[in-house]
């Protein structure tokens, strides 16, 4: 039984991308589907396909170099990290994204900052 499905998802993505996999299989939860939708909108993955209890993710590569290489979990089940709109900072000078769980749903840090809302800082991806 996995307690932290988001940390498991981030680890599977990072390990799969480091190995150069064409498809990465991750567990299906609503939050992970929302994170994948953000990654697809931000052009960090090619696509994903939802199966019964799994999701097949197709990572994006540029001439064998991955579009994203690092996935860092910030807020954990044992220690939640909440930030307000003023505390949201660019990741890797704008090359990466932060994912924030707000009252209006999951969104990137830049979108949350533009809407002047804060929330739980889920992860950074660059």
Protein backbone atom coordinates (compact mmCIF):
# COMPACT_ATOMS: atom_id res chain seq x y z
CA UNK A 1 0.00 0.00 0.00
CA UNK A 2 1.43 3.37 -1.07
CA UNK A 3 0.81 6.21 1.36
CA UNK A 4 2.10 9.06 -0.81
CA UNK A 5 0.94 8.47 -4.38
CA UNK A 6 2.27 11.83 -5.62
CA UNK A 7 5.82 11.06 -4.39
CA UNK A 8 5.57 7.62 -6.04
CA UNK A 9 4.43 9.28 -9.30
CA UNK A 10 7.29 11.80 -9.23
CA UNK A 11 9.86 9.05 -8.53
CA UNK A 12 8.50 6.83 -11.34
CA UNK A 13 8.59 9.76 -13.78
CA UNK A 14 12.14 10.78 -12.86
CA UNK A 15 13.44 7.18 -12.98
CA UNK A 16 11.67 6.45 -16.27
CA UNK A 17 12.98 9.62 -17.91
CA UNK A 18 16.53 8.96 -16.65
CA UNK A 19 16.33 5.50 -18.26
CA UNK A 20 15.03 6.97 -21.54
CA UNK A 21 11.74 5.05 -21.46
CA UNK A 22 9.15 5.72 -24.19
CA UNK A 23 6.26 4.91 -21.82
CA UNK A 24 6.03 5.15 -18.04
CA UNK A 25 3.23 3.42 -16.11
CA UNK A 26 1.98 5.26 -13.01
CA UNK A 27 -0.90 4.75 -10.60
CA UNK A 28 -4.20 6.48 -11.34
CA UNK A 29 -5.52 9.07 -8.90
CA UNK A 30 -7.40 12.29 -9.54
CA UNK A 31 -4.46 14.44 -8.40
CA UNK A 32 -2.01 12.62 -10.68
CA UNK A 33 -4.36 13.05 -13.66
CA UNK A 34 -4.57 16.78 -12.84
CA UNK A 35 -0.75 17.02 -12.60
CA UNK A 36 -0.38 15.23 -15.94
CA UNK A 37 -2.90 17.62 -17.52
CA UNK A 38 -0.76 20.56 -16.34
CA UNK A 39 2.42 18.88 -17.68
CA UNK A 40 0.70 18.35 -21.05
CA UNK A 41 -0.48 21.99 -21.22
CA UNK A 42 3.03 23.18 -20.33
CA UNK A 43 4.45 20.97 -23.14
CA UNK A 44 6.58 18.90 -20.74
CA UNK A 45 5.15 15.50 -21.79
CA UNK A 46 3.81 14.29 -25.13
CA UNK A 47 0.62 12.63 -23.90
CA UNK A 48 -0.90 10.27 -21.37
CA UNK A 49 -3.54 7.56 -21.59
CA UNK A 50 -5.78 6.60 -18.68
CA UNK A 51 -6.32 2.83 -18.31
CA UNK A 52 -8.39 1.00 -15.65
CA UNK A 53 -6.14 1.52 -12.62
CA UNK A 54 -3.01 2.82 -14.38
CA UNK A 55 -1.92 5.72 -16.54
CA UNK A 56 0.56 5.32 -19.40
CA UNK A 57 2.65 8.49 -19.72
CA UNK A 58 4.65 9.32 -22.85
CA UNK A 59 7.53 11.63 -21.85
CA UNK A 60 8.91 14.23 -24.24
CA UNK A 61 12.52 14.17 -25.46
CA UNK A 62 14.51 16.65 -27.59
CA UNK A 63 17.28 14.75 -29.42
CA UNK A 64 17.50 12.15 -26.61
CA UNK A 65 17.49 14.91 -23.96
CA UNK A 66 14.36 14.92 -21.76
CA UNK A 67 12.12 18.00 -21.72
CA UNK A 68 12.03 17.71 -17.90
CA UNK A 69 14.58 15.93 -15.74
CA UNK A 70 13.85 16.79 -12.09
CA UNK A 71 10.72 16.24 -10.02
CA UNK A 72 10.87 17.49 -6.41
CA UNK A 73 8.12 16.87 -3.83
CA UNK A 74 7.64 19.86 -1.53
CA UNK A 75 4.54 19.29 0.61
CA UNK A 76 4.42 15.82 2.17
CA UNK A 77 1.69 14.01 4.12
CA UNK A 78 3.69 14.44 7.33
CA UNK A 79 4.50 18.11 6.72
CA UNK A 80 2.18 20.18 4.57
CA UNK A 81 3.71 23.33 3.06
CA UNK A 82 1.31 26.20 2.34
CA UNK A 83 2.32 29.40 0.56
CA UNK A 84 0.51 32.60 -0.34
CA UNK A 85 0.65 34.35 -3.72
CA UNK A 86 3.52 36.62 -2.63
CA UNK A 87 5.73 33.62 -1.73
CA UNK A 88 5.45 31.97 -5.19
CA UNK A 89 8.78 32.29 -7.01
CA UNK A 90 9.88 31.23 -10.53
CA UNK A 91 11.52 27.79 -10.76
CA UNK A 92 14.90 27.69 -12.55
CA UNK A 93 14.42 31.26 -13.85
CA UNK A 94 11.13 30.33 -15.51
CA UNK A 95 12.30 27.09 -17.15
CA UNK A 96 10.45 24.96 -14.61
CA UNK A 97 7.05 25.03 -12.93
CA UNK A 98 5.71 24.73 -9.44
CA UNK A 99 2.36 23.01 -8.90
CA UNK A 100 0.04 24.52 -6.30
CA UNK A 101 -3.19 23.00 -4.97
CA UNK A 102 -5.53 25.98 -4.59
CA UNK A 103 -9.19 26.46 -3.73
CA UNK A 104 -9.77 26.68 -7.52
CA UNK A 105 -8.00 23.37 -8.24
CA UNK A 106 -4.47 22.36 -9.20
CA UNK A 107 -2.53 24.97 -11.18
CA UNK A 108 0.97 26.19 -11.94
CA UNK A 109 2.61 28.65 -9.59
CA UNK A 110 2.64 31.41 -12.22
CA UNK A 111 -1.12 31.05 -12.81
CA UNK A 112 -1.81 31.04 -9.06
CA UNK A 113 0.36 34.15 -8.66
CA UNK A 114 -1.48 35.95 -11.47
CA UNK A 115 -4.83 35.11 -9.81
CA UNK A 116 -3.42 36.23 -6.41
CA UNK A 117 -4.25 32.95 -4.67
CA UNK A 118 -2.04 30.63 -2.64
CA UNK A 119 -2.38 27.05 -1.49
CA UNK A 120 -0.50 23.85 -0.81
CA UNK A 121 2.85 23.71 -2.67
CA UNK A 122 2.73 20.18 -4.11
CA UNK A 123 5.93 19.94 -6.17
CA UNK A 124 8.50 21.62 -8.44
CA UNK A 125 9.28 20.26 -11.91
CA UNK A 126 12.14 21.41 -14.14
